[in-house]
Amino acid sequence: MPALNPEDMTTRNIGHRGARSLAPENTLAALEKAWEIGADGVEVDVQVSADGRLVIHHDNTPARTTNASELFPDRASQPLTTFQLEELKTLDAGSWFIDSDPFSQISSGTISFAELERLYNQQIPTLEDVLFFIKSKQWWVNLELKKISKPQEDFPLAEAVLSVIDQVHIDQDQVALSSFFHPYLERIQQLRPDIEVQALIGSRSAGRNNWGKYTYQTYNANEAYIDQAQVYKAMEHGCRVNLYTVNDPVMMRTYIEWGVSSLITDYPQTLKKVLENRPEDSKSR
């Protein structure tokens, strides 16, 4: 599957943390599932271990999505940045999904027994793991750079991510870098203006989508705070608009009609059907 073409105005289907409704988020299993579904790409989260290795994980701690409370009972609530990569690699990042069935896809029978079998003992992947997977599929990934917690708050995350991208020799068009912490994006633009950055806006703490002066070419805005006027105004400023996290099929259709560039969703399997069944005259604008 080709990398995303910024000039193609067809709305893109981006799996949020992979296909996280069908497999444990931010694991290679979730990426593989999104690939099998036919998503246009995936969004994953990048953090750093205590020994400076870049890993794919969303939360500040490993407690929710691993068995850290069993293996490290006194440390499970500590920041991910206090764990060595070797320690993180011992964690089971898949069984929690089977035990909790967070999207009720197991109880509904959507996920087969055979598929469940491969979810046990999933690991927290490194950034290299993910980029090699994306490269092998000629696919696309949005790397969200998380603001790093103590004791690694001064870690040069932007520079480290760019270094891994270069080491893997992945095509620049297969990668975009996003963050709520915009100084990371500014640094990336200084060092590698050839790599796309996407400004995340609409954090829960902000309670709204703050577009600033529309200085970024692409904005990833929070669906919870969006309206059509915001989308059109951003487009008038020459910006592309992506929305997260869009799970309702009715709203998927609405945002497609608005002309948003990408929808980031926990249900790429649903969005795939919506995109396939839309009217012919809306498939290319």
Protein backbone atom coordinates (compact mmCIF):
# COMPACT_ATOMS: atom_id res chain seq x y z
CA MET A 1 0.00 0.00 0.00
CA PRO A 2 1.51 3.38 -0.95
CA ALA A 3 2.39 6.08 1.55
CA LEU A 4 -0.09 8.91 2.07
CA ASN A 5 -0.06 11.54 -0.62
CA PRO A 6 -0.62 15.02 0.85
CA GLU A 7 -2.18 16.15 -2.42
CA ASP A 8 -4.81 13.39 -2.34
CA MET A 9 -7.98 14.85 -0.82
CA THR A 10 -9.63 11.50 -0.14
CA THR A 11 -10.24 11.12 3.60
CA ARG A 12 -7.74 8.67 5.09
CA ASN A 13 -8.40 5.89 7.56
CA ILE A 14 -5.83 5.95 10.38
CA GLY A 15 -5.91 3.32 13.12
CA HIS A 16 -5.60 4.89 16.58
CA ARG A 17 -2.74 3.10 18.37
CA GLY A 18 -3.21 0.48 15.66
CA ALA A 19 -6.57 -1.27 15.46
CA ARG A 20 -6.96 -0.97 19.22
CA SER A 21 -10.55 -2.22 19.28
CA LEU A 22 -9.34 -5.56 17.89
CA ALA A 23 -5.89 -5.96 19.48
CA PRO A 24 -3.95 -4.46 22.40
CA GLU A 25 -3.05 -0.87 21.64
CA ASN A 26 0.44 0.14 20.51
CA THR A 27 1.55 -3.46 19.90
CA LEU A 28 2.67 -5.04 16.66
CA ALA A 29 -0.51 -7.15 16.78
CA ALA A 30 -2.59 -3.98 16.64
CA LEU A 31 -0.54 -2.71 13.70
CA GLU A 32 -0.85 -6.03 11.89
CA LYS A 33 -4.61 -6.00 12.40
CA ALA A 34 -4.92 -2.47 11.01
CA TRP A 35 -2.87 -3.56 8.01
CA GLU A 36 -5.07 -6.60 7.43
CA ILE A 37 -8.19 -4.42 7.60
CA GLY A 38 -6.83 -2.12 4.92
CA ALA A 39 -6.35 1.06 6.95
CA ASP A 40 -4.29 3.76 5.26
CA GLY A 41 -1.94 3.98 8.22
CA VAL A 42 -1.66 3.98 11.98
CA GLU A 43 -1.00 6.38 14.83
CA VAL A 44 1.26 5.26 17.70
CA ASP A 45 2.81 6.92 20.75
CA VAL A 46 6.55 7.36 21.34
CA GLN A 47 8.18 7.54 24.77
CA VAL A 48 11.63 6.85 26.18
CA SER A 49 12.93 4.24 28.62
CA ALA A 50 15.29 4.92 31.51
CA ASP A 51 18.23 3.86 29.34
CA GLY A 52 17.29 6.15 26.47
CA ARG A 53 15.56 3.68 24.14
CA LEU A 54 12.48 4.83 22.26
CA VAL A 55 9.42 2.67 22.90
CA ILE A 56 5.79 2.63 21.78
CA HIS A 57 3.45 3.24 24.70
CA HIS A 58 0.69 5.70 25.51
CA ASP A 59 0.27 6.05 29.27
CA ASN A 60 2.69 7.71 31.66
CA THR A 61 3.02 4.39 33.51
CA PRO A 62 2.89 0.74 32.37
CA ALA A 63 0.13 -0.19 34.84
CA ARG A 64 -2.99 -0.13 32.62
CA THR A 65 -1.79 -2.05 29.57
CA THR A 66 0.74 -4.53 30.95
CA ASN A 67 1.20 -6.95 33.86
CA ALA A 68 3.63 -4.56 35.56
CA SER A 69 1.65 -4.86 38.81
CA GLU A 70 2.57 -8.56 38.88
CA LEU A 71 6.21 -8.33 37.87
CA PHE A 72 7.03 -4.98 39.47
CA PRO A 73 4.38 -4.54 42.21
CA ASP A 74 6.24 -1.70 43.89
CA ARG A 75 6.92 0.17 40.65
CA ALA A 76 3.89 -0.34 38.41
CA SER A 77 2.61 3.18 39.11
CA GLN A 78 6.01 4.73 38.46
CA PRO A 79 6.69 6.58 35.17
CA LEU A 80 7.63 4.51 32.16
CA THR A 81 10.82 6.57 32.04
CA THR A 82 12.07 4.80 35.19
CA PHE A 83 12.08 1.36 33.52
CA GLN A 84 15.01 0.00 31.54
CA LEU A 85 14.19 -1.40 28.10
CA GLU A 86 15.17 -4.87 29.31
CA GLU A 87 12.55 -4.55 32.06
CA LEU A 88 9.88 -3.29 29.67
CA LYS A 89 10.54 -6.23 27.36
CA THR A 90 9.64 -8.67 30.16
CA LEU A 91 6.12 -7.25 30.40
CA ASP A 92 3.06 -8.88 28.85
CA ALA A 93 1.33 -6.09 26.91
CA GLY A 94 -1.43 -8.27 25.49
CA SER A 95 -3.22 -10.29 28.15
CA TRP A 96 -4.85 -7.22 29.74
CA PHE A 97 -6.80 -6.75 26.50
CA ILE A 98 -8.16 -10.29 26.66
CA ASP A 99 -9.02 -9.98 30.35
CA SER A 100 -10.74 -6.58 30.12
CA ASP A 101 -12.24 -6.74 26.59
CA PRO A 102 -12.17 -2.90 26.49
CA PHE A 103 -14.24 -2.55 23.31
CA SER A 104 -16.49 -5.60 23.84
CA GLN A 105 -15.22 -7.11 20.60
CA ILE A 106 -14.36 -10.41 22.28
CA SER A 107 -17.73 -10.88 23.95
CA SER A 108 -19.49 -9.97 20.70
CA GLY A 109 -17.61 -12.70 18.85
CA THR A 110 -15.86 -10.27 16.50
CA ILE A 111 -12.44 -11.56 17.56
CA SER A 112 -11.91 -15.26 16.93
CA PHE A 113 -10.23 -17.69 19.33
CA ALA A 114 -7.33 -18.05 16.92
CA GLU A 115 -6.85 -14.29 16.89
CA LEU A 116 -6.93 -14.17 20.69
CA GLU A 117 -4.16 -16.74 20.86
CA ARG A 118 -1.69 -14.40 19.19
CA LEU A 119 -2.46 -11.57 21.62
CA TYR A 120 -0.97 -13.24 24.68
CA ASN A 121 2.52 -12.06 25.63
CA GLN A 122 2.63 -9.18 23.17
CA GLN A 123 5.56 -6.92 24.00
CA ILE A 124 5.96 -3.17 24.19
CA PRO A 125 7.65 -2.57 20.82
CA THR A 126 10.56 -0.26 20.20
CA LEU A 127 10.33 2.52 17.66
CA GLU A 128 12.67 0.48 15.46
CA ASP A 129 10.25 -2.46 15.59
CA VAL A 130 7.42 -0.29 14.36
CA LEU A 131 9.37 1.49 11.65
CA PHE A 132 10.73 -1.77 10.24
CA PHE A 133 7.16 -3.09 10.10
CA ILE A 134 5.91 0.05 8.34
CA LYS A 135 8.85 -0.05 5.93
CA SER A 136 8.28 -3.71 5.09
CA LYS A 137 4.64 -2.99 4.20
CA GLN A 138 5.33 0.26 2.32
CA TRP A 139 2.75 1.72 4.68
CA TRP A 140 2.43 4.91 6.76
CA VAL A 141 2.70 5.89 10.43
CA ASN A 142 1.98 8.95 12.53
CA LEU A 143 4.39 9.00 15.47
CA GLU A 144 2.97 10.99 18.37
CA LEU A 145 5.81 12.30 20.52
CA LYS A 146 4.65 12.26 24.13
CA LYS A 147 5.94 14.94 26.50
CA ILE A 148 8.53 13.08 28.52
CA SER A 149 8.14 12.60 32.27
CA LYS A 150 10.76 12.84 35.00
CA PRO A 151 13.50 11.82 35.34
CA GLN A 152 13.89 12.04 31.55
CA GLU A 153 12.13 15.38 31.01
CA ASP A 154 15.21 16.85 29.30
CA PHE A 155 15.67 13.93 26.92
CA PRO A 156 16.06 15.21 23.31
CA LEU A 157 13.09 13.24 21.99
CA ALA A 158 12.75 14.99 18.63
CA GLU A 159 16.39 14.45 17.78
CA ALA A 160 16.29 10.82 18.94
CA VAL A 161 13.24 10.02 16.82
CA LEU A 162 14.83 11.55 13.74
CA SER A 163 17.98 9.53 14.39
CA VAL A 164 16.02 6.25 14.49
CA ILE A 165 14.15 7.21 11.31
CA ASP A 166 17.49 7.68 9.58
CA GLN A 167 18.92 4.44 10.99
CA VAL A 168 15.97 2.43 9.67
CA HIS A 169 16.26 4.14 6.26
CA ILE A 170 12.51 4.48 5.96
CA ASP A 171 11.18 6.81 3.28
CA GLN A 172 10.30 10.23 4.70
CA ASP A 173 6.88 10.03 3.03
CA GLN A 174 5.98 7.02 5.18
CA VAL A 175 6.26 8.99 8.41
CA ALA A 176 4.63 12.01 10.04
CA LEU A 177 5.47 13.35 13.51
CA SER A 178 2.82 14.82 15.79
CA SER A 179 2.71 16.16 19.33
CA PHE A 180 0.72 18.26 21.77
CA PHE A 181 4.10 19.68 22.84
CA HIS A 182 4.72 21.95 19.88
CA PRO A 183 8.36 22.76 20.69
CA TYR A 184 9.11 19.20 19.52
CA LEU A 185 7.52 20.04 16.17
CA GLU A 186 9.42 23.31 15.90
CA ARG A 187 12.67 21.44 16.49
CA ILE A 188 11.80 18.86 13.84
CA GLN A 189 10.99 21.59 11.33
CA GLN A 190 14.40 23.13 12.01
CA LEU A 191 16.29 19.87 11.62
CA ARG A 192 14.24 18.04 8.99
CA PRO A 193 11.80 20.27 7.11
CA ASP A 194 11.27 17.41 4.65
CA ILE A 195 9.37 15.36 7.26
CA GLU A 196 5.71 16.21 7.84
CA VAL A 197 4.67 17.47 11.27
CA GLN A 198 1.10 17.48 12.56
CA ALA A 199 0.14 19.79 15.41
CA LEU A 200 -2.07 18.09 17.97
CA ILE A 201 -4.65 20.40 19.55
CA GLY A 202 -7.67 19.95 21.81
CA SER A 203 -6.21 18.33 24.91
CA ARG A 204 -8.60 17.61 27.74
CA SER A 205 -6.92 20.19 29.91
CA ALA A 206 -7.40 22.84 27.20
CA GLY A 207 -11.05 21.93 26.68
CA ARG A 208 -11.06 23.31 23.14
CA ASN A 209 -9.21 23.22 19.85
CA ASN A 210 -6.72 26.09 19.89
CA TRP A 211 -5.64 26.74 16.31
CA GLY A 212 -3.34 29.62 17.22
CA LYS A 213 -2.26 31.51 14.12
CA TYR A 214 -2.63 28.52 11.78
CA THR A 215 1.14 28.24 11.48
CA TYR A 216 1.16 24.48 10.87
CA GLN A 217 0.22 22.88 7.58
CA THR A 218 -1.60 20.02 9.31
CA TYR A 219 -3.64 20.02 12.53
CA ASN A 220 -4.90 16.96 14.40
CA ALA A 221 -7.95 18.32 16.23
CA ASN A 222 -10.13 16.78 18.93
CA GLU A 223 -13.49 15.65 17.61
CA ALA A 224 -15.07 16.45 20.98
CA TYR A 225 -14.54 20.19 20.38
CA ILE A 226 -14.93 20.41 16.61
CA ASP A 227 -17.56 22.06 14.41
CA GLN A 228 -17.81 22.69 10.71
CA ALA A 229 -16.86 26.36 11.00
CA GLN A 230 -13.52 25.45 12.58
CA VAL A 231 -12.73 22.98 9.82
CA TYR A 232 -13.59 25.41 7.05
CA LYS A 233 -11.67 28.27 8.65
CA ALA A 234 -8.56 26.11 8.96
CA MET A 235 -8.93 25.11 5.31
CA GLU A 236 -9.25 28.77 4.33
CA HIS A 237 -5.83 29.25 5.94
CA GLY A 238 -4.46 26.47 3.75
CA CYS A 239 -4.34 23.87 6.53
CA ARG A 240 -5.23 20.20 6.39
CA VAL A 241 -7.45 18.96 9.20
CA ASN A 242 -7.34 15.51 10.77
CA LEU A 243 -9.73 14.53 13.56
CA TYR A 244 -9.30 12.20 16.53
CA THR A 245 -10.75 9.93 17.92
CA VAL A 246 -13.72 9.31 15.59
CA ASN A 247 -15.64 6.10 16.31
CA ASP A 248 -19.27 6.89 15.37
CA PRO A 249 -20.13 5.85 11.78
CA VAL A 250 -22.63 8.71 11.44
CA MET A 251 -20.01 11.28 12.40
CA MET A 252 -17.45 9.58 10.15
CA ARG A 253 -19.75 10.28 7.20
CA THR A 254 -20.29 13.86 8.34
CA TYR A 255 -16.58 14.62 8.64
CA ILE A 256 -15.89 13.03 5.27
CA GLU A 257 -18.44 15.41 3.75
CA TRP A 258 -16.70 18.30 5.48
CA GLY A 259 -13.53 17.34 3.64
CA VAL A 260 -11.25 16.42 6.53
CA SER A 261 -7.99 14.83 5.43
CA SER A 262 -7.85 11.94 7.91
CA LEU A 263 -9.94 10.32 10.61
CA ILE A 264 -8.03 8.71 13.45
CA THR A 265 -10.21 5.92 14.83
CA ASP A 266 -10.27 2.98 17.23
CA TYR A 267 -12.44 1.23 14.62
CA PRO A 268 -10.59 1.29 11.28
CA GLN A 269 -12.72 -1.71 10.30
CA THR A 270 -15.85 0.45 10.59
CA LEU A 271 -14.35 3.44 8.81
CA LYS A 272 -13.20 1.12 6.01
CA LYS A 273 -16.84 0.15 5.34
CA VAL A 274 -18.01 3.77 5.55
CA LEU A 275 -15.42 4.86 3.00
CA GLU A 276 -16.25 1.98 0.67
CA ASN A 277 -19.98 2.69 0.77
CA ARG A 278 -20.00 6.46 0.31
CA PRO A 279 -21.47 7.96 -2.88
CA GLU A 280 -19.22 7.91 -5.94
CA ASP A 281 -19.29 11.70 -6.36
CA SER A 282 -17.77 12.18 -2.87
CA LYS A 283 -14.86 9.76 -3.33
CA SER A 284 -12.69 12.30 -5.10
CA ARG A 285 -12.94 16.01 -4.52
